[in-house]
Amino acid sequence: MKYLILFLVTFIIMEPACSQPPGPRPSVKNKAFDEELARLLSFSVPTIGVKELKDIQNEVYIFDAREEEEYLTSHIKGARYLGYKKFDEQKLAGVPKNAKVVVYCSVGYRSEKIGERLQKMGFTDVSNLYGSIFEWVNRGYPVVGQNGEPTRKIHTYNAKWSQWVDNDDAEKVW
């Protein structure tokens, strides 16, 4: 009984520490958005910041883990549609298992889940874009539409999630 009590006390004391996001995290412009991300993500996939991705954008494989409608509205230039509910493993054809892969979605939750899936498939260098396409747009980085041309449109999933896109130049759609 003494050991059971010791175990339970240890668990109660340690549990909050285990559920905290790792620090330091990539920066985002909006502190409240950062707090929401820290609450949503489990940090099971290493994160990469939008500035860091922008600097290496042409040197990595970028995959969009949103739904096709979201991707077609706008996406990061060079990103390939991978999907979430309709995950398309064929989009990974030709990508070496040791290649640097960055996955994003709207805020990072769905891309974290797809990143976990990629890790289980044997990909060894997978990163989740912290703040995902919302933070990309908030920083003023360009997105392209389905025709490959720059666009101001950003699919914000729904009205609730659109609060996290605070770039006044962005045209929110859902």
N, C-alpha and C. Protein backbone atom coordinates (compact mmCIF):
# COMPACT_ATOMS: atom_id res chain seq x y z
N MET A 1 0.83 -1.19 0.00
CA MET A 1 0.00 0.00 0.00
C MET A 1 0.87 1.25 0.00
N LYS A 2 1.98 1.21 0.76
CA LYS A 2 2.89 2.34 0.84
C LYS A 2 3.45 2.67 -0.56
N TYR A 3 3.77 1.62 -1.34
CA TYR A 3 4.32 1.84 -2.67
C TYR A 3 3.27 2.38 -3.64
N LEU A 4 2.05 1.93 -3.47
CA LEU A 4 0.97 2.44 -4.29
C LEU A 4 0.75 3.93 -4.04
N ILE A 5 0.76 4.33 -2.80
CA ILE A 5 0.60 5.75 -2.45
C ILE A 5 1.77 6.55 -3.01
N LEU A 6 2.98 6.03 -2.86
CA LEU A 6 4.17 6.71 -3.40
C LEU A 6 4.06 6.87 -4.91
N PHE A 7 3.62 5.82 -5.59
CA PHE A 7 3.44 5.86 -7.04
C PHE A 7 2.41 6.92 -7.43
N LEU A 8 1.28 6.93 -6.78
CA LEU A 8 0.22 7.89 -7.09
C LEU A 8 0.65 9.33 -6.85
N VAL A 9 1.35 9.55 -5.74
CA VAL A 9 1.85 10.90 -5.44
C VAL A 9 2.85 11.33 -6.52
N THR A 10 3.74 10.43 -6.89
CA THR A 10 4.72 10.73 -7.93
C THR A 10 4.01 11.05 -9.24
N PHE A 11 3.00 10.25 -9.60
CA PHE A 11 2.26 10.47 -10.83
C PHE A 11 1.57 11.83 -10.81
N ILE A 12 0.94 12.17 -9.72
CA ILE A 12 0.22 13.45 -9.61
C ILE A 12 1.18 14.62 -9.72
N ILE A 13 2.35 14.49 -9.12
CA ILE A 13 3.34 15.57 -9.18
C ILE A 13 3.95 15.67 -10.57
N MET A 14 4.25 14.55 -11.20
CA MET A 14 4.96 14.55 -12.48
C MET A 14 4.05 14.77 -13.68
N GLU A 15 2.78 14.42 -13.60
CA GLU A 15 1.88 14.49 -14.75
C GLU A 15 1.85 15.88 -15.38
N PRO A 16 1.72 16.96 -14.62
CA PRO A 16 1.71 18.27 -15.28
C PRO A 16 3.00 18.55 -16.03
N ALA A 17 4.12 18.12 -15.51
CA ALA A 17 5.39 18.36 -16.19
C ALA A 17 5.46 17.60 -17.50
N CYS A 18 4.90 16.40 -17.54
CA CYS A 18 4.93 15.59 -18.75
C CYS A 18 4.02 16.14 -19.84
N SER A 19 2.99 16.87 -19.46
CA SER A 19 2.05 17.36 -20.46
C SER A 19 2.42 18.75 -20.98
N GLN A 20 3.47 19.31 -20.50
CA GLN A 20 3.89 20.64 -20.94
C GLN A 20 4.65 20.54 -22.26
N PRO A 21 4.46 21.52 -23.15
CA PRO A 21 5.20 21.50 -24.41
C PRO A 21 6.68 21.73 -24.15
N PRO A 22 7.51 21.18 -25.03
CA PRO A 22 8.95 21.40 -24.85
C PRO A 22 9.29 22.86 -25.12
N GLY A 23 10.31 23.32 -24.52
CA GLY A 23 10.76 24.69 -24.79
C GLY A 23 12.18 24.63 -25.25
N PRO A 24 12.66 25.56 -25.96
CA PRO A 24 11.88 26.65 -26.56
C PRO A 24 11.18 26.18 -27.84
N ARG A 25 10.09 26.85 -28.15
CA ARG A 25 9.33 26.56 -29.36
C ARG A 25 9.64 27.64 -30.39
N PRO A 26 9.38 27.35 -31.67
CA PRO A 26 9.52 28.41 -32.66
C PRO A 26 8.58 29.57 -32.30
N SER A 27 8.95 30.75 -32.67
CA SER A 27 8.13 31.91 -32.30
C SER A 27 6.96 32.08 -33.27
N VAL A 28 5.87 32.60 -32.71
CA VAL A 28 4.73 33.03 -33.50
C VAL A 28 4.41 34.47 -33.09
N LYS A 29 3.77 35.21 -33.98
CA LYS A 29 3.53 36.63 -33.72
C LYS A 29 2.55 36.88 -32.59
N ASN A 30 1.54 36.02 -32.46
CA ASN A 30 0.46 36.24 -31.52
C ASN A 30 0.63 35.31 -30.30
N LYS A 31 0.80 35.89 -29.14
CA LYS A 31 1.03 35.11 -27.92
C LYS A 31 -0.15 34.18 -27.61
N ALA A 32 -1.37 34.64 -27.82
CA ALA A 32 -2.54 33.80 -27.58
C ALA A 32 -2.57 32.61 -28.54
N PHE A 33 -2.14 32.82 -29.78
CA PHE A 33 -2.06 31.72 -30.75
C PHE A 33 -1.01 30.71 -30.28
N ASP A 34 0.11 31.18 -29.81
CA ASP A 34 1.16 30.29 -29.28
C ASP A 34 0.61 29.45 -28.13
N GLU A 35 -0.14 30.07 -27.25
CA GLU A 35 -0.73 29.33 -26.12
C GLU A 35 -1.73 28.28 -26.61
N GLU A 36 -2.49 28.61 -27.63
CA GLU A 36 -3.43 27.65 -28.21
C GLU A 36 -2.68 26.48 -28.85
N LEU A 37 -1.61 26.78 -29.56
CA LEU A 37 -0.80 25.73 -30.17
C LEU A 37 -0.20 24.82 -29.11
N ALA A 38 0.32 25.41 -28.04
CA ALA A 38 0.92 24.63 -26.95
C ALA A 38 -0.11 23.71 -26.31
N ARG A 39 -1.36 24.13 -26.29
CA ARG A 39 -2.44 23.32 -25.72
C ARG A 39 -2.85 22.20 -26.68
N LEU A 40 -2.88 22.50 -27.98
CA LEU A 40 -3.36 21.54 -28.98
C LEU A 40 -2.37 20.43 -29.31
N LEU A 41 -1.11 20.79 -29.40
CA LEU A 41 -0.10 19.85 -29.90
C LEU A 41 0.47 18.97 -28.80
N SER A 42 0.86 17.78 -29.17
CA SER A 42 1.52 16.88 -28.22
C SER A 42 3.04 16.94 -28.38
N PHE A 43 3.53 17.58 -29.44
CA PHE A 43 4.96 17.73 -29.72
C PHE A 43 5.62 16.37 -29.92
N SER A 44 4.87 15.45 -30.52
CA SER A 44 5.38 14.12 -30.84
C SER A 44 6.25 14.14 -32.10
N VAL A 45 6.15 15.20 -32.87
CA VAL A 45 6.95 15.40 -34.08
C VAL A 45 7.73 16.69 -33.88
N PRO A 46 9.03 16.69 -34.19
CA PRO A 46 9.79 17.94 -34.03
C PRO A 46 9.14 19.08 -34.82
N THR A 47 9.22 20.28 -34.28
CA THR A 47 8.64 21.44 -34.95
C THR A 47 9.72 22.25 -35.66
N ILE A 48 9.28 22.99 -36.66
CA ILE A 48 10.13 23.92 -37.39
C ILE A 48 9.34 25.22 -37.49
N GLY A 49 10.01 26.35 -37.35
CA GLY A 49 9.35 27.64 -37.46
C GLY A 49 9.18 28.07 -38.90
N VAL A 50 8.24 29.00 -39.13
CA VAL A 50 7.98 29.44 -40.50
C VAL A 50 9.18 30.16 -41.10
N LYS A 51 9.88 30.95 -40.30
CA LYS A 51 11.08 31.65 -40.82
C LYS A 51 12.13 30.63 -41.24
N GLU A 52 12.31 29.59 -40.43
CA GLU A 52 13.30 28.56 -40.75
C GLU A 52 12.90 27.83 -42.05
N LEU A 53 11.61 27.50 -42.19
CA LEU A 53 11.17 26.85 -43.42
C LEU A 53 11.34 27.77 -44.61
N LYS A 54 11.01 29.03 -44.46
CA LYS A 54 11.14 29.99 -45.57
C LYS A 54 12.57 30.00 -46.08
N ASP A 55 13.53 29.92 -45.15
CA ASP A 55 14.95 29.95 -45.53
C ASP A 55 15.41 28.70 -46.28
N ILE A 56 14.72 27.56 -46.10
CA ILE A 56 15.13 26.32 -46.75
C ILE A 56 14.03 25.75 -47.65
N GLN A 57 13.06 26.55 -47.96
CA GLN A 57 11.87 26.12 -48.69
C GLN A 57 12.17 25.30 -49.94
N ASN A 58 13.19 25.65 -50.67
CA ASN A 58 13.50 24.96 -51.92
C ASN A 58 14.39 23.74 -51.73
N GLU A 59 14.74 23.45 -50.49
CA GLU A 59 15.65 22.35 -50.21
C GLU A 59 14.97 21.17 -49.51
N VAL A 60 13.67 21.25 -49.26
CA VAL A 60 12.96 20.22 -48.50
C VAL A 60 11.70 19.81 -49.24
N TYR A 61 11.16 18.68 -48.84
CA TYR A 61 9.85 18.24 -49.32
C TYR A 61 8.81 18.82 -48.37
N ILE A 62 7.85 19.56 -48.92
CA ILE A 62 6.80 20.17 -48.12
C ILE A 62 5.47 19.51 -48.50
N PHE A 63 4.75 19.04 -47.48
CA PHE A 63 3.47 18.39 -47.70
C PHE A 63 2.37 19.09 -46.93
N ASP A 64 1.22 19.25 -47.59
CA ASP A 64 0.05 19.89 -47.02
C ASP A 64 -0.90 18.79 -46.54
N ALA A 65 -1.19 18.80 -45.23
CA ALA A 65 -2.02 17.76 -44.62
C ALA A 65 -3.45 18.24 -44.38
N ARG A 66 -3.91 19.20 -45.16
CA ARG A 66 -5.29 19.66 -45.04
C ARG A 66 -6.15 18.89 -46.05
N GLU A 67 -7.41 19.23 -46.11
CA GLU A 67 -8.29 18.63 -47.11
C GLU A 67 -8.06 19.33 -48.46
N GLU A 68 -8.43 18.65 -49.52
CA GLU A 68 -8.12 19.15 -50.86
C GLU A 68 -8.70 20.55 -51.12
N GLU A 69 -9.90 20.82 -50.66
CA GLU A 69 -10.52 22.14 -50.85
C GLU A 69 -9.64 23.24 -50.23
N GLU A 70 -9.09 22.96 -49.05
CA GLU A 70 -8.22 23.93 -48.39
C GLU A 70 -6.95 24.15 -49.20
N TYR A 71 -6.36 23.04 -49.65
CA TYR A 71 -5.13 23.11 -50.45
C TYR A 71 -5.36 23.89 -51.74
N LEU A 72 -6.47 23.62 -52.42
CA LEU A 72 -6.75 24.29 -53.69
C LEU A 72 -7.00 25.78 -53.50
N THR A 73 -7.52 26.19 -52.34
CA THR A 73 -7.73 27.62 -52.07
C THR A 73 -6.38 28.32 -52.04
N SER A 74 -5.45 27.77 -51.29
CA SER A 74 -4.08 28.29 -51.27
C SER A 74 -3.19 27.33 -50.52
N HIS A 75 -1.92 27.38 -50.85
CA HIS A 75 -0.92 26.55 -50.19
C HIS A 75 0.44 27.19 -50.33
N ILE A 76 1.39 26.70 -49.58
CA ILE A 76 2.76 27.18 -49.67
C ILE A 76 3.34 26.71 -51.00
N LYS A 77 3.99 27.61 -51.70
CA LYS A 77 4.55 27.28 -53.01
C LYS A 77 5.48 26.07 -52.88
N GLY A 78 5.29 25.11 -53.77
CA GLY A 78 6.10 23.91 -53.77
C GLY A 78 5.55 22.78 -52.93
N ALA A 79 4.51 23.08 -52.13
CA ALA A 79 3.92 22.04 -51.28
C ALA A 79 3.11 21.07 -52.12
N ARG A 80 3.19 19.82 -51.73
CA ARG A 80 2.40 18.77 -52.37
C ARG A 80 1.21 18.45 -51.47
N TYR A 81 0.06 18.21 -52.09
CA TYR A 81 -1.12 17.81 -51.33
C TYR A 81 -0.93 16.38 -50.85
N LEU A 82 -1.11 16.15 -49.56
CA LEU A 82 -1.00 14.82 -48.98
C LEU A 82 -2.32 14.37 -48.36
N GLY A 83 -3.08 15.34 -47.86
CA GLY A 83 -4.37 15.04 -47.28
C GLY A 83 -4.30 14.63 -45.82
N TYR A 84 -5.47 14.59 -45.21
CA TYR A 84 -5.59 14.17 -43.82
C TYR A 84 -6.60 13.02 -43.75
N LYS A 85 -7.87 13.33 -43.92
CA LYS A 85 -8.87 12.26 -43.94
C LYS A 85 -8.67 11.35 -45.15
N LYS A 86 -8.29 11.96 -46.25
CA LYS A 86 -8.04 11.21 -47.49
C LYS A 86 -6.54 11.17 -47.75
N PHE A 87 -5.80 10.72 -46.75
CA PHE A 87 -4.34 10.61 -46.84
C PHE A 87 -3.98 9.81 -48.09
N ASP A 88 -3.11 10.39 -48.93
CA ASP A 88 -2.73 9.77 -50.20
C ASP A 88 -1.26 9.38 -50.17
N GLU A 89 -1.01 8.16 -49.77
CA GLU A 89 0.37 7.65 -49.65
C GLU A 89 1.12 7.71 -50.98
N GLN A 90 0.41 7.68 -52.10
CA GLN A 90 1.05 7.74 -53.41
C GLN A 90 1.80 9.06 -53.63
N LYS A 91 1.40 10.11 -52.91
CA LYS A 91 2.06 11.41 -53.04
C LYS A 91 3.50 11.37 -52.49
N LEU A 92 3.81 10.31 -51.75
CA LEU A 92 5.14 10.15 -51.17
C LEU A 92 6.09 9.38 -52.09
N ALA A 93 5.57 8.91 -53.22
CA ALA A 93 6.39 8.13 -54.15
C ALA A 93 7.62 8.94 -54.56
N GLY A 94 8.77 8.32 -54.48
CA GLY A 94 10.02 8.96 -54.88
C GLY A 94 10.68 9.80 -53.80
N VAL A 95 10.04 9.94 -52.65
CA VAL A 95 10.63 10.71 -51.56
C VAL A 95 11.48 9.76 -50.71
N PRO A 96 12.79 9.98 -50.65
CA PRO A 96 13.64 9.10 -49.84
C PRO A 96 13.24 9.15 -48.37
N LYS A 97 13.32 8.02 -47.70
CA LYS A 97 12.94 7.93 -46.29
C LYS A 97 13.79 8.82 -45.39
N ASN A 98 15.01 9.18 -45.84
CA ASN A 98 15.88 10.03 -45.03
C ASN A 98 15.85 11.50 -45.46
N ALA A 99 14.95 11.85 -46.37
CA ALA A 99 14.84 13.24 -46.84
C ALA A 99 14.22 14.11 -45.75
N LYS A 100 14.55 15.40 -45.79
CA LYS A 100 13.94 16.37 -44.88
C LYS A 100 12.53 16.64 -45.39
N VAL A 101 11.55 16.31 -44.53
CA VAL A 101 10.13 16.46 -44.87
C VAL A 101 9.49 17.41 -43.86
N VAL A 102 8.75 18.38 -44.36
CA VAL A 102 8.00 19.30 -43.51
C VAL A 102 6.53 19.16 -43.85
N VAL A 103 5.72 18.97 -42.82
CA VAL A 103 4.28 18.80 -42.99
C VAL A 103 3.59 19.99 -42.32
N TYR A 104 2.54 20.49 -42.96
CA TYR A 104 1.76 21.57 -42.35
C TYR A 104 0.28 21.36 -42.63
N CYS A 105 -0.54 22.07 -41.86
CA CYS A 105 -1.99 22.11 -42.09
C CYS A 105 -2.42 23.55 -41.81
N SER A 106 -3.52 23.74 -41.10
CA SER A 106 -3.95 25.09 -40.75
C SER A 106 -3.14 25.64 -39.58
N VAL A 107 -3.12 24.88 -38.47
CA VAL A 107 -2.41 25.35 -37.27
C VAL A 107 -1.32 24.39 -36.80
N GLY A 108 -1.37 23.14 -37.24
CA GLY A 108 -0.34 22.17 -36.87
C GLY A 108 -0.84 20.89 -36.23
N TYR A 109 -2.13 20.82 -35.91
CA TYR A 109 -2.65 19.61 -35.26
C TYR A 109 -2.72 18.44 -36.24
N ARG A 110 -3.38 18.66 -37.38
CA ARG A 110 -3.51 17.57 -38.35
C ARG A 110 -2.15 17.17 -38.91
N SER A 111 -1.30 18.16 -39.15
CA SER A 111 0.03 17.83 -39.68
C SER A 111 0.87 17.07 -38.67
N GLU A 112 0.66 17.31 -37.38
CA GLU A 112 1.37 16.53 -36.38
C GLU A 112 0.95 15.06 -36.47
N LYS A 113 -0.35 14.81 -36.64
CA LYS A 113 -0.86 13.44 -36.76
C LYS A 113 -0.30 12.77 -38.03
N ILE A 114 -0.25 13.51 -39.13
CA ILE A 114 0.31 12.96 -40.36
C ILE A 114 1.82 12.76 -40.20
N GLY A 115 2.48 13.68 -39.50
CA GLY A 115 3.92 13.51 -39.22
C GLY A 115 4.19 12.23 -38.45
N GLU A 116 3.34 11.93 -37.48
CA GLU A 116 3.47 10.67 -36.72
C GLU A 116 3.33 9.48 -37.65
N ARG A 117 2.39 9.59 -38.57
CA ARG A 117 2.16 8.51 -39.53
C ARG A 117 3.38 8.32 -40.43
N LEU A 118 3.96 9.43 -40.87
CA LEU A 118 5.16 9.34 -41.71
C LEU A 118 6.32 8.70 -40.95
N GLN A 119 6.47 9.06 -39.69
CA GLN A 119 7.51 8.45 -38.87
C GLN A 119 7.30 6.94 -38.78
N LYS A 120 6.07 6.51 -38.58
CA LYS A 120 5.78 5.06 -38.51
C LYS A 120 6.05 4.38 -39.84
N MET A 121 5.95 5.14 -40.94
CA MET A 121 6.24 4.59 -42.27
C MET A 121 7.74 4.53 -42.54
N GLY A 122 8.55 5.06 -41.62
CA GLY A 122 10.00 4.97 -41.78
C GLY A 122 10.70 6.25 -42.19
N PHE A 123 9.96 7.35 -42.33
CA PHE A 123 10.61 8.63 -42.63
C PHE A 123 11.33 9.10 -41.37
N THR A 124 12.59 9.47 -41.52
CA THR A 124 13.44 9.73 -40.35
C THR A 124 13.66 11.21 -40.05
N ASP A 125 13.31 12.11 -40.96
CA ASP A 125 13.56 13.54 -40.75
C ASP A 125 12.30 14.34 -41.05
N VAL A 126 11.30 14.17 -40.20
CA VAL A 126 9.98 14.79 -40.38
C VAL A 126 9.83 15.94 -39.38
N SER A 127 9.36 17.09 -39.86
CA SER A 127 9.08 18.23 -38.99
C SER A 127 7.67 18.72 -39.23
N ASN A 128 7.06 19.23 -38.16
CA ASN A 128 5.73 19.84 -38.21
C ASN A 128 5.92 21.35 -38.20
N LEU A 129 5.31 22.05 -39.15
CA LEU A 129 5.44 23.51 -39.22
C LEU A 129 4.62 24.13 -38.10
N TYR A 130 5.30 24.75 -37.15
CA TYR A 130 4.67 25.31 -35.96
C TYR A 130 3.84 26.54 -36.34
N GLY A 131 2.55 26.46 -36.10
CA GLY A 131 1.63 27.53 -36.51
C GLY A 131 1.12 27.34 -37.92
N SER A 132 1.77 26.43 -38.63
CA SER A 132 1.39 26.00 -39.98
C SER A 132 1.08 27.16 -40.93
N ILE A 133 0.15 26.96 -41.85
CA ILE A 133 -0.08 27.97 -42.89
C ILE A 133 -0.65 29.26 -42.30
N PHE A 134 -1.35 29.18 -41.14
CA PHE A 134 -1.86 30.41 -40.53
C PHE A 134 -0.70 31.32 -40.15
N GLU A 135 0.32 30.77 -39.51
CA GLU A 135 1.46 31.61 -39.11
C GLU A 135 2.25 32.05 -40.33
N TRP A 136 2.33 31.19 -41.34
CA TRP A 136 3.00 31.55 -42.60
C TRP A 136 2.37 32.82 -43.17
N VAL A 137 1.04 32.84 -43.24
CA VAL A 137 0.31 33.99 -43.77
C VAL A 137 0.43 35.18 -42.81
N ASN A 138 0.37 34.93 -41.50
CA ASN A 138 0.50 36.01 -40.53
C ASN A 138 1.84 36.73 -40.68
N ARG A 139 2.86 36.01 -41.08
CA ARG A 139 4.19 36.61 -41.28
C ARG A 139 4.30 37.32 -42.63
N GLY A 140 3.28 37.23 -43.43
CA GLY A 140 3.29 37.91 -44.72
C GLY A 140 3.97 37.11 -45.82
N TYR A 141 4.22 35.83 -45.58
CA TYR A 141 4.84 34.99 -46.61
C TYR A 141 3.79 34.61 -47.64
N PRO A 142 4.19 34.49 -48.90
CA PRO A 142 3.20 34.27 -49.97
C PRO A 142 2.65 32.85 -50.00
N VAL A 143 1.41 32.76 -50.47
CA VAL A 143 0.77 31.49 -50.77
C VAL A 143 0.29 31.56 -52.21
N VAL A 144 0.07 30.38 -52.81
CA VAL A 144 -0.39 30.31 -54.19
C VAL A 144 -1.68 29.52 -54.24
N GLY A 145 -2.49 29.82 -55.28
CA GLY A 145 -3.72 29.09 -55.50
C GLY A 145 -3.47 27.88 -56.36
N GLN A 146 -4.55 27.22 -56.78
CA GLN A 146 -4.41 25.98 -57.54
C GLN A 146 -3.74 26.20 -58.89
N ASN A 147 -3.76 27.42 -59.40
CA ASN A 147 -3.10 27.72 -60.67
C ASN A 147 -1.63 28.08 -60.49
N GLY A 148 -1.14 28.08 -59.25
CA GLY A 148 0.26 28.40 -58.98
C GLY A 148 0.54 29.88 -58.87
N GLU A 149 -0.49 30.70 -59.06
CA GLU A 149 -0.34 32.15 -58.98
C GLU A 149 -0.55 32.62 -57.54
N PRO A 150 0.15 33.69 -57.13
CA PRO A 150 -0.04 34.22 -55.78
C PRO A 150 -1.51 34.59 -55.53
N THR A 151 -1.93 34.37 -54.28
CA THR A 151 -3.30 34.71 -53.89
C THR A 151 -3.30 35.25 -52.47
N ARG A 152 -4.31 36.02 -52.15
CA ARG A 152 -4.50 36.53 -50.79
C ARG A 152 -5.41 35.61 -49.98
N LYS A 153 -6.04 34.65 -50.66
CA LYS A 153 -7.00 33.77 -50.00
C LYS A 153 -6.31 32.77 -49.08
N ILE A 154 -6.94 32.54 -47.95
CA ILE A 154 -6.49 31.51 -47.01
C ILE A 154 -7.72 30.81 -46.48
N HIS A 155 -7.75 29.50 -46.62
CA HIS A 155 -8.87 28.71 -46.11
C HIS A 155 -8.65 28.55 -44.62
N THR A 156 -9.56 29.09 -43.82
CA THR A 156 -9.37 29.09 -42.36
C THR A 156 -10.19 27.99 -41.67
N TYR A 157 -10.65 27.03 -42.42
CA TYR A 157 -11.36 25.86 -41.93
C TYR A 157 -12.79 26.20 -41.50
N ASN A 158 -12.93 27.15 -40.57
CA ASN A 158 -14.26 27.64 -40.19
C ASN A 158 -14.10 28.98 -39.48
N ALA A 159 -15.21 29.59 -39.09
CA ALA A 159 -15.17 30.91 -38.47
C ALA A 159 -14.38 30.91 -37.17
N LYS A 160 -14.50 29.86 -36.38
CA LYS A 160 -13.80 29.79 -35.09
C LYS A 160 -12.28 29.85 -35.30
N TRP A 161 -11.78 29.07 -36.23
CA TRP A 161 -10.33 29.00 -36.43
C TRP A 161 -9.80 30.23 -37.16
N SER A 162 -10.67 30.95 -37.86
CA SER A 162 -10.21 32.13 -38.61
C SER A 162 -9.65 33.22 -37.71
N GLN A 163 -9.98 33.18 -36.41
CA GLN A 163 -9.45 34.19 -35.48
C GLN A 163 -7.92 34.18 -35.43
N TRP A 164 -7.31 33.05 -35.78
CA TRP A 164 -5.85 32.93 -35.67
C TRP A 164 -5.11 33.47 -36.89
N VAL A 165 -5.85 33.87 -37.93
CA VAL A 165 -5.23 34.55 -39.06
C VAL A 165 -5.46 36.04 -38.83
N ASP A 166 -4.40 36.74 -38.44
CA ASP A 166 -4.57 38.15 -38.12
C ASP A 166 -3.82 39.08 -39.07
N ASN A 167 -3.49 38.58 -40.25
CA ASN A 167 -2.88 39.41 -41.29
C ASN A 167 -4.03 40.08 -42.04
N ASP A 168 -4.10 41.40 -41.96
CA ASP A 168 -5.20 42.15 -42.59
C ASP A 168 -5.21 42.03 -44.11
N ASP A 169 -4.09 41.63 -44.72
CA ASP A 169 -4.04 41.46 -46.17
C ASP A 169 -4.61 40.13 -46.63
N ALA A 170 -4.84 39.21 -45.69
CA ALA A 170 -5.37 37.89 -46.05
C ALA A 170 -6.88 37.96 -46.23
N GLU A 171 -7.35 37.22 -47.21
CA GLU A 171 -8.78 37.09 -47.46
C GLU A 171 -9.21 35.72 -46.95
N LYS A 172 -9.92 35.70 -45.82
CA LYS A 172 -10.32 34.46 -45.17
C LYS A 172 -11.54 33.85 -45.86
N VAL A 173 -11.45 32.56 -46.14
CA VAL A 173 -12.58 31.82 -46.69
C VAL A 173 -12.70 30.51 -45.92
N TRP A 174 -13.92 29.99 -45.86
CA TRP A 174 -14.14 28.66 -45.26
C TRP A 174 -15.37 28.03 -45.83
